[in-house]
Amino acid sequence: MDPNNMQMRMQEIQQSESFSDVLGKILSGKAGYKPVIEKRQEILMCKMCMTPLLIQKQKFCHECGKKMEYSAG
């Protein structure tokens, strides 16, 4: 299984109601406990120098100066 497919599958599982119910019972010992599942933000990187960007959707790379291009979405 490729990593991208695995990541998408994990997101699907974490969003399911049954996963939240089971995780809540494991964490608290009580039925009906709703845990807060932290969502990770995508780390954007410069395509030229592969430096992680400090600010989401910044216009230029702070390391090499390349203009950033983002796809709609």
PDB file of N, CA and C in Angstrom:
ATOM      1  N   MET A   1       0.850  -1.177   0.000  1.00  0.00           N
ATOM      2  CA  MET A   1       0.000   0.000   0.000  1.00  0.00           C
ATOM      3  C   MET A   1       0.894   1.239   0.000  1.00  0.00           C
ATOM      4  N   ASP A   2       0.635   2.140  -0.917  1.00  0.00           N
ATOM      5  CA  ASP A   2       1.476   3.337  -1.003  1.00  0.00           C
ATOM      6  C   ASP A   2       1.123   4.319   0.118  1.00  0.00           C
ATOM      7  N   PRO A   3       2.073   5.166   0.520  1.00  0.00           N
ATOM      8  CA  PRO A   3       1.870   6.076   1.661  1.00  0.00           C
ATOM      9  C   PRO A   3       0.690   7.035   1.499  1.00  0.00           C
ATOM     10  N   ASN A   4       0.463   7.547   0.299  1.00  0.00           N
ATOM     11  CA  ASN A   4      -0.654   8.477   0.082  1.00  0.00           C
ATOM     12  C   ASN A   4      -1.994   7.791   0.307  1.00  0.00           C
ATOM     13  N   ASN A   5      -2.111   6.567  -0.208  1.00  0.00           N
ATOM     14  CA  ASN A   5      -3.337   5.804  -0.030  1.00  0.00           C
ATOM     15  C   ASN A   5      -3.540   5.475   1.447  1.00  0.00           C
ATOM     16  N   MET A   6      -2.461   5.139   2.140  1.00  0.00           N
ATOM     17  CA  MET A   6      -2.534   4.813   3.554  1.00  0.00           C
ATOM     18  C   MET A   6      -2.988   6.041   4.359  1.00  0.00           C
ATOM     19  N   GLN A   7      -2.449   7.215   4.036  1.00  0.00           N
ATOM     20  CA  GLN A   7      -2.823   8.450   4.733  1.00  0.00           C
ATOM     21  C   GLN A   7      -4.302   8.757   4.523  1.00  0.00           C
ATOM     22  N   MET A   8      -4.800   8.610   3.299  1.00  0.00           N
ATOM     23  CA  MET A   8      -6.208   8.857   3.020  1.00  0.00           C
ATOM     24  C   MET A   8      -7.093   7.885   3.788  1.00  0.00           C
ATOM     25  N   ARG A   9      -6.675   6.610   3.854  1.00  0.00           N
ATOM     26  CA  ARG A   9      -7.449   5.595   4.579  1.00  0.00           C
ATOM     27  C   ARG A   9      -7.495   5.911   6.074  1.00  0.00           C
ATOM     28  N   MET A  10      -6.370   6.365   6.649  1.00  0.00           N
ATOM     29  CA  MET A  10      -6.337   6.723   8.067  1.00  0.00           C
ATOM     30  C   MET A  10      -7.281   7.898   8.344  1.00  0.00           C
ATOM     31  N   GLN A  11      -7.344   8.865   7.444  1.00  0.00           N
ATOM     32  CA  GLN A  11      -8.249   9.999   7.611  1.00  0.00           C
ATOM     33  C   GLN A  11      -9.705   9.533   7.579  1.00  0.00           C
ATOM     34  N   GLU A  12     -10.023   8.592   6.678  1.00  0.00           N
ATOM     35  CA  GLU A  12     -11.379   8.055   6.602  1.00  0.00           C
ATOM     36  C   GLU A  12     -11.753   7.348   7.899  1.00  0.00           C
ATOM     37  N   ILE A  13     -10.829   6.554   8.422  1.00  0.00           N
ATOM     38  CA  ILE A  13     -11.082   5.811   9.667  1.00  0.00           C
ATOM     39  C   ILE A  13     -11.286   6.774  10.826  1.00  0.00           C
ATOM     40  N   GLN A  14     -10.442   7.795  10.935  1.00  0.00           N
ATOM     41  CA  GLN A  14     -10.536   8.731  12.046  1.00  0.00           C
ATOM     42  C   GLN A  14     -11.808   9.560  11.999  1.00  0.00           C
ATOM     43  N   GLN A  15     -12.388   9.734  10.837  1.00  0.00           N
ATOM     44  CA  GLN A  15     -13.612  10.521  10.713  1.00  0.00           C
ATOM     45  C   GLN A  15     -14.861   9.680  10.981  1.00  0.00           C
ATOM     46  N   SER A  16     -14.715   8.361  11.063  1.00  0.00           N
ATOM     47  CA  SER A  16     -15.879   7.505  11.280  1.00  0.00           C
ATOM     48  C   SER A  16     -16.353   7.589  12.729  1.00  0.00           C
ATOM     49  N   GLU A  17     -17.660   7.486  12.909  1.00  0.00           N
ATOM     50  CA  GLU A  17     -18.285   7.576  14.231  1.00  0.00           C
ATOM     51  C   GLU A  17     -17.868   6.394  15.112  1.00  0.00           C
ATOM     52  N   SER A  18     -17.772   5.199  14.532  1.00  0.00           N
ATOM     53  CA  SER A  18     -17.415   4.019  15.338  1.00  0.00           C
ATOM     54  C   SER A  18     -15.988   4.130  15.886  1.00  0.00           C
ATOM     55  N   PHE A  19     -15.077   4.711  15.110  1.00  0.00           N
ATOM     56  CA  PHE A  19     -13.696   4.905  15.590  1.00  0.00           C
ATOM     57  C   PHE A  19     -13.687   5.841  16.796  1.00  0.00           C
ATOM     58  N   SER A  20     -14.439   6.937  16.718  1.00  0.00           N
ATOM     59  CA  SER A  20     -14.506   7.888  17.832  1.00  0.00           C
ATOM     60  C   SER A  20     -15.085   7.235  19.076  1.00  0.00           C
ATOM     61  N   ASP A  21     -16.116   6.410  18.899  1.00  0.00           N
ATOM     62  CA  ASP A  21     -16.730   5.729  20.041  1.00  0.00           C
ATOM     63  C   ASP A  21     -15.747   4.788  20.723  1.00  0.00           C
ATOM     64  N   VAL A  22     -15.049   3.977  19.944  1.00  0.00           N
ATOM     65  CA  VAL A  22     -14.092   3.025  20.503  1.00  0.00           C
ATOM     66  C   VAL A  22     -12.924   3.756  21.162  1.00  0.00           C
ATOM     67  N   LEU A  23     -12.382   4.759  20.496  1.00  0.00           N
ATOM     68  CA  LEU A  23     -11.262   5.515  21.048  1.00  0.00           C
ATOM     69  C   LEU A  23     -11.665   6.220  22.346  1.00  0.00           C
ATOM     70  N   GLY A  24     -12.863   6.784  22.362  1.00  0.00           N
ATOM     71  CA  GLY A  24     -13.355   7.443  23.568  1.00  0.00           C
ATOM     72  C   GLY A  24     -13.487   6.494  24.736  1.00  0.00           C
ATOM     73  N   LYS A  25     -13.981   5.295  24.482  1.00  0.00           N
ATOM     74  CA  LYS A  25     -14.124   4.307  25.557  1.00  0.00           C
ATOM     75  C   LYS A  25     -12.757   3.844  26.057  1.00  0.00           C
ATOM     76  N   ILE A  26     -11.803   3.670  25.157  1.00  0.00           N
ATOM     77  CA  ILE A  26     -10.448   3.265  25.552  1.00  0.00           C
ATOM     78  C   ILE A  26      -9.790   4.355  26.391  1.00  0.00           C
ATOM     79  N   LEU A  27      -9.917   5.608  25.973  1.00  0.00           N
ATOM     80  CA  LEU A  27      -9.251   6.703  26.674  1.00  0.00           C
ATOM     81  C   LEU A  27      -9.874   7.033  28.025  1.00  0.00           C
ATOM     82  N   SER A  28     -11.195   6.986  28.103  1.00  0.00           N
ATOM     83  CA  SER A  28     -11.852   7.439  29.326  1.00  0.00           C
ATOM     84  C   SER A  28     -12.429   6.314  30.174  1.00  0.00           C
ATOM     85  N   GLY A  29     -12.660   5.162  29.550  1.00  0.00           N
ATOM     86  CA  GLY A  29     -13.327   4.077  30.263  1.00  0.00           C
ATOM     87  C   GLY A  29     -14.830   4.256  30.308  1.00  0.00           C
ATOM     88  N   LYS A  30     -15.359   5.280  29.667  1.00  0.00           N
ATOM     89  CA  LYS A  30     -16.786   5.570  29.677  1.00  0.00           C
ATOM     90  C   LYS A  30     -17.334   5.521  28.258  1.00  0.00           C
ATOM     91  N   ALA A  31     -18.520   4.983  28.131  1.00  0.00           N
ATOM     92  CA  ALA A  31     -19.186   4.987  26.829  1.00  0.00           C
ATOM     93  C   ALA A  31     -19.673   6.406  26.542  1.00  0.00           C
ATOM     94  N   GLY A  32     -19.604   6.821  25.296  1.00  0.00           N
ATOM     95  CA  GLY A  32     -20.115   8.125  24.899  1.00  0.00           C
ATOM     96  C   GLY A  32     -19.117   9.264  25.008  1.00  0.00           C
ATOM     97  N   TYR A  33     -17.903   9.007  25.503  1.00  0.00           N
ATOM     98  CA  TYR A  33     -16.884  10.051  25.582  1.00  0.00           C
ATOM     99  C   TYR A  33     -16.410  10.372  24.172  1.00  0.00           C
ATOM    100  N   LYS A  34     -16.378  11.646  23.817  1.00  0.00           N
ATOM    101  CA  LYS A  34     -15.943  12.056  22.479  1.00  0.00           C
ATOM    102  C   LYS A  34     -14.552  12.666  22.552  1.00  0.00           C
ATOM    103  N   PRO A  35     -13.541  11.943  22.082  1.00  0.00           N
ATOM    104  CA  PRO A  35     -12.181  12.502  22.098  1.00  0.00           C
ATOM    105  C   PRO A  35     -12.013  13.544  21.007  1.00  0.00           C
ATOM    106  N   VAL A  36     -11.093  14.456  21.227  1.00  0.00           N
ATOM    107  CA  VAL A  36     -10.741  15.448  20.219  1.00  0.00           C
ATOM    108  C   VAL A  36      -9.561  14.882  19.450  1.00  0.00           C
ATOM    109  N   ILE A  37      -9.727  14.682  18.165  1.00  0.00           N
ATOM    110  CA  ILE A  37      -8.672  14.129  17.324  1.00  0.00           C
ATOM    111  C   ILE A  37      -7.999  15.288  16.601  1.00  0.00           C
ATOM    112  N   GLU A  38      -6.719  15.460  16.863  1.00  0.00           N
ATOM    113  CA  GLU A  38      -5.968  16.561  16.269  1.00  0.00           C
ATOM    114  C   GLU A  38      -5.793  16.329  14.777  1.00  0.00           C
ATOM    115  N   LYS A  39      -6.075  17.340  14.021  1.00  0.00           N
ATOM    116  CA  LYS A  39      -5.900  17.286  12.568  1.00  0.00           C
ATOM    117  C   LYS A  39      -4.573  17.932  12.218  1.00  0.00           C
ATOM    118  N   ARG A  40      -3.781  17.252  11.443  1.00  0.00           N
ATOM    119  CA  ARG A  40      -2.500  17.813  11.028  1.00  0.00           C
ATOM    120  C   ARG A  40      -2.686  18.691   9.798  1.00  0.00           C
ATOM    121  N   GLN A  41      -1.960  19.786   9.792  1.00  0.00           N
ATOM    122  CA  GLN A  41      -1.983  20.646   8.616  1.00  0.00           C
ATOM    123  C   GLN A  41      -0.913  20.174   7.643  1.00  0.00           C
ATOM    124  N   GLU A  42      -1.202  20.317   6.387  1.00  0.00           N
ATOM    125  CA  GLU A  42      -0.236  19.975   5.354  1.00  0.00           C
ATOM    126  C   GLU A  42       0.922  20.965   5.411  1.00  0.00           C
ATOM    127  N   ILE A  43       2.132  20.449   5.362  1.00  0.00           N
ATOM    128  CA  ILE A  43       3.313  21.303   5.357  1.00  0.00           C
ATOM    129  C   ILE A  43       3.656  21.603   3.901  1.00  0.00           C
ATOM    130  N   LEU A  44       3.603  22.876   3.553  1.00  0.00           N
ATOM    131  CA  LEU A  44       3.951  23.286   2.193  1.00  0.00           C
ATOM    132  C   LEU A  44       5.451  23.493   2.098  1.00  0.00           C
ATOM    133  N   MET A  45       6.026  23.086   0.971  1.00  0.00           N
ATOM    134  CA  MET A  45       7.473  23.210   0.770  1.00  0.00           C
ATOM    135  C   MET A  45       7.745  23.883  -0.557  1.00  0.00           C
ATOM    136  N   CYS A  46       8.860  24.602  -0.606  1.00  0.00           N
ATOM    137  CA  CYS A  46       9.305  25.222  -1.848  1.00  0.00           C
ATOM    138  C   CYS A  46       9.711  24.110  -2.806  1.00  0.00           C
ATOM    139  N   LYS A  47       9.250  24.188  -4.045  1.00  0.00           N
ATOM    140  CA  LYS A  47       9.574  23.155  -5.026  1.00  0.00           C
ATOM    141  C   LYS A  47      11.004  23.269  -5.541  1.00  0.00           C
ATOM    142  N   MET A  48      11.616  24.425  -5.353  1.00  0.00           N
ATOM    143  CA  MET A  48      12.978  24.620  -5.842  1.00  0.00           C
ATOM    144  C   MET A  48      14.031  24.154  -4.821  1.00  0.00           C
ATOM    145  N   CYS A  49      13.902  24.622  -3.559  1.00  0.00           N
ATOM    146  CA  CYS A  49      14.935  24.310  -2.566  1.00  0.00           C
ATOM    147  C   CYS A  49      14.450  23.358  -1.473  1.00  0.00           C
ATOM    148  N   MET A  50      13.162  22.955  -1.527  1.00  0.00           N
ATOM    149  CA  MET A  50      12.556  22.030  -0.574  1.00  0.00           C
ATOM    150  C   MET A  50      12.579  22.527   0.867  1.00  0.00           C
ATOM    151  N   THR A  51      12.547  23.833   1.062  1.00  0.00           N
ATOM    152  CA  THR A  51      12.484  24.421   2.399  1.00  0.00           C
ATOM    153  C   THR A  51      11.026  24.485   2.832  1.00  0.00           C
ATOM    154  N   PRO A  52      10.699  24.040   4.056  1.00  0.00           N
ATOM    155  CA  PRO A  52       9.324  24.194   4.556  1.00  0.00           C
ATOM    156  C   PRO A  52       8.989  25.678   4.673  1.00  0.00           C
ATOM    157  N   LEU A  53       7.803  26.039   4.238  1.00  0.00           N
ATOM    158  CA  LEU A  53       7.396  27.440   4.275  1.00  0.00           C
ATOM    159  C   LEU A  53       6.929  27.808   5.678  1.00  0.00           C
ATOM    160  N   LEU A  54       7.326  28.980   6.152  1.00  0.00           N
ATOM    161  CA  LEU A  54       6.998  29.416   7.502  1.00  0.00           C
ATOM    162  C   LEU A  54       5.533  29.818   7.627  1.00  0.00           C
ATOM    163  N   ILE A  55       5.004  30.467   6.608  1.00  0.00           N
ATOM    164  CA  ILE A  55       3.634  30.964   6.630  1.00  0.00           C
ATOM    165  C   ILE A  55       2.877  30.285   5.489  1.00  0.00           C
ATOM    166  N   GLN A  56       1.698  29.776   5.781  1.00  0.00           N
ATOM    167  CA  GLN A  56       0.892  29.151   4.740  1.00  0.00           C
ATOM    168  C   GLN A  56       0.523  30.177   3.678  1.00  0.00           C
ATOM    169  N   LYS A  57       0.632  29.796   2.451  1.00  0.00           N
ATOM    170  CA  LYS A  57       0.281  30.627   1.290  1.00  0.00           C
ATOM    171  C   LYS A  57       1.120  31.896   1.165  1.00  0.00           C
ATOM    172  N   GLN A  58       2.391  31.850   1.578  1.00  0.00           N
ATOM    173  CA  GLN A  58       3.241  33.028   1.373  1.00  0.00           C
ATOM    174  C   GLN A  58       3.582  33.147  -0.102  1.00  0.00           C
ATOM    175  N   LYS A  59       3.921  34.353  -0.536  1.00  0.00           N
ATOM    176  CA  LYS A  59       4.119  34.614  -1.959  1.00  0.00           C
ATOM    177  C   LYS A  59       5.477  34.171  -2.476  1.00  0.00           C
ATOM    178  N   PHE A  60       6.523  34.252  -1.636  1.00  0.00           N
ATOM    179  CA  PHE A  60       7.868  33.889  -2.062  1.00  0.00           C
ATOM    180  C   PHE A  60       8.527  33.013  -1.003  1.00  0.00           C
ATOM    181  N   CYS A  61       9.429  32.143  -1.441  1.00  0.00           N
ATOM    182  CA  CYS A  61      10.202  31.318  -0.514  1.00  0.00           C
ATOM    183  C   CYS A  61      11.169  32.224   0.247  1.00  0.00           C
ATOM    184  N   HIS A  62      11.218  32.072   1.564  1.00  0.00           N
ATOM    185  CA  HIS A  62      12.099  32.900   2.379  1.00  0.00           C
ATOM    186  C   HIS A  62      13.564  32.474   2.240  1.00  0.00           C
ATOM    187  N   GLU A  63      13.808  31.305   1.669  1.00  0.00           N
ATOM    188  CA  GLU A  63      15.179  30.793   1.543  1.00  0.00           C
ATOM    189  C   GLU A  63      15.789  31.132   0.176  1.00  0.00           C
ATOM    190  N   CYS A  64      15.081  30.796  -0.911  1.00  0.00           N
ATOM    191  CA  CYS A  64      15.670  30.996  -2.245  1.00  0.00           C
ATOM    192  C   CYS A  64      15.012  32.123  -3.048  1.00  0.00           C
ATOM    193  N   GLY A  65      13.849  32.622  -2.591  1.00  0.00           N
ATOM    194  CA  GLY A  65      13.188  33.728  -3.275  1.00  0.00           C
ATOM    195  C   GLY A  65      12.264  33.329  -4.412  1.00  0.00           C
ATOM    196  N   LYS A  66      12.115  32.008  -4.667  1.00  0.00           N
ATOM    197  CA  LYS A  66      11.250  31.564  -5.766  1.00  0.00           C
ATOM    198  C   LYS A  66       9.802  31.953  -5.471  1.00  0.00           C
ATOM    199  N   LYS A  67       9.095  32.415  -6.530  1.00  0.00           N
ATOM    200  CA  LYS A  67       7.685  32.757  -6.375  1.00  0.00           C
ATOM    201  C   LYS A  67       6.905  31.460  -6.187  1.00  0.00           C
ATOM    202  N   MET A  68       6.042  31.445  -5.171  1.00  0.00           N
ATOM    203  CA  MET A  68       5.257  30.248  -4.873  1.00  0.00           C
ATOM    204  C   MET A  68       4.029  30.201  -5.753  1.00  0.00           C
ATOM    205  N   GLU A  69       3.682  28.995  -6.181  1.00  0.00           N
ATOM    206  CA  GLU A  69       2.470  28.771  -6.987  1.00  0.00           C
ATOM    207  C   GLU A  69       1.643  27.740  -6.258  1.00  0.00           C
ATOM    208  N   TYR A  70       0.373  28.039  -6.062  1.00  0.00           N
ATOM    209  CA  TYR A  70      -0.535  27.146  -5.353  1.00  0.00           C
ATOM    210  C   TYR A  70      -1.669  26.742  -6.261  1.00  0.00           C
ATOM    211  N   SER A  71      -2.076  25.489  -6.142  1.00  0.00           N
ATOM    212  CA  SER A  71      -3.221  25.032  -6.902  1.00  0.00           C
ATOM    213  C   SER A  71      -4.477  25.422  -6.143  1.00  0.00           C
ATOM    214  N   ALA A  72      -5.565  25.635  -6.865  1.00  0.00           N
ATOM    215  CA  ALA A  72      -6.826  26.003  -6.216  1.00  0.00           C
ATOM    216  C   ALA A  72      -7.309  24.825  -5.402  1.00  0.00           C
ATOM    217  N   GLY A  73      -7.810  25.113  -4.200  1.00  0.00           N
ATOM    218  CA  GLY A  73      -8.369  24.041  -3.396  1.00  0.00           C
ATOM    219  C   GLY A  73      -8.133  24.181  -2.018  1.00  0.00           C
TER     220      GLY A  73
END
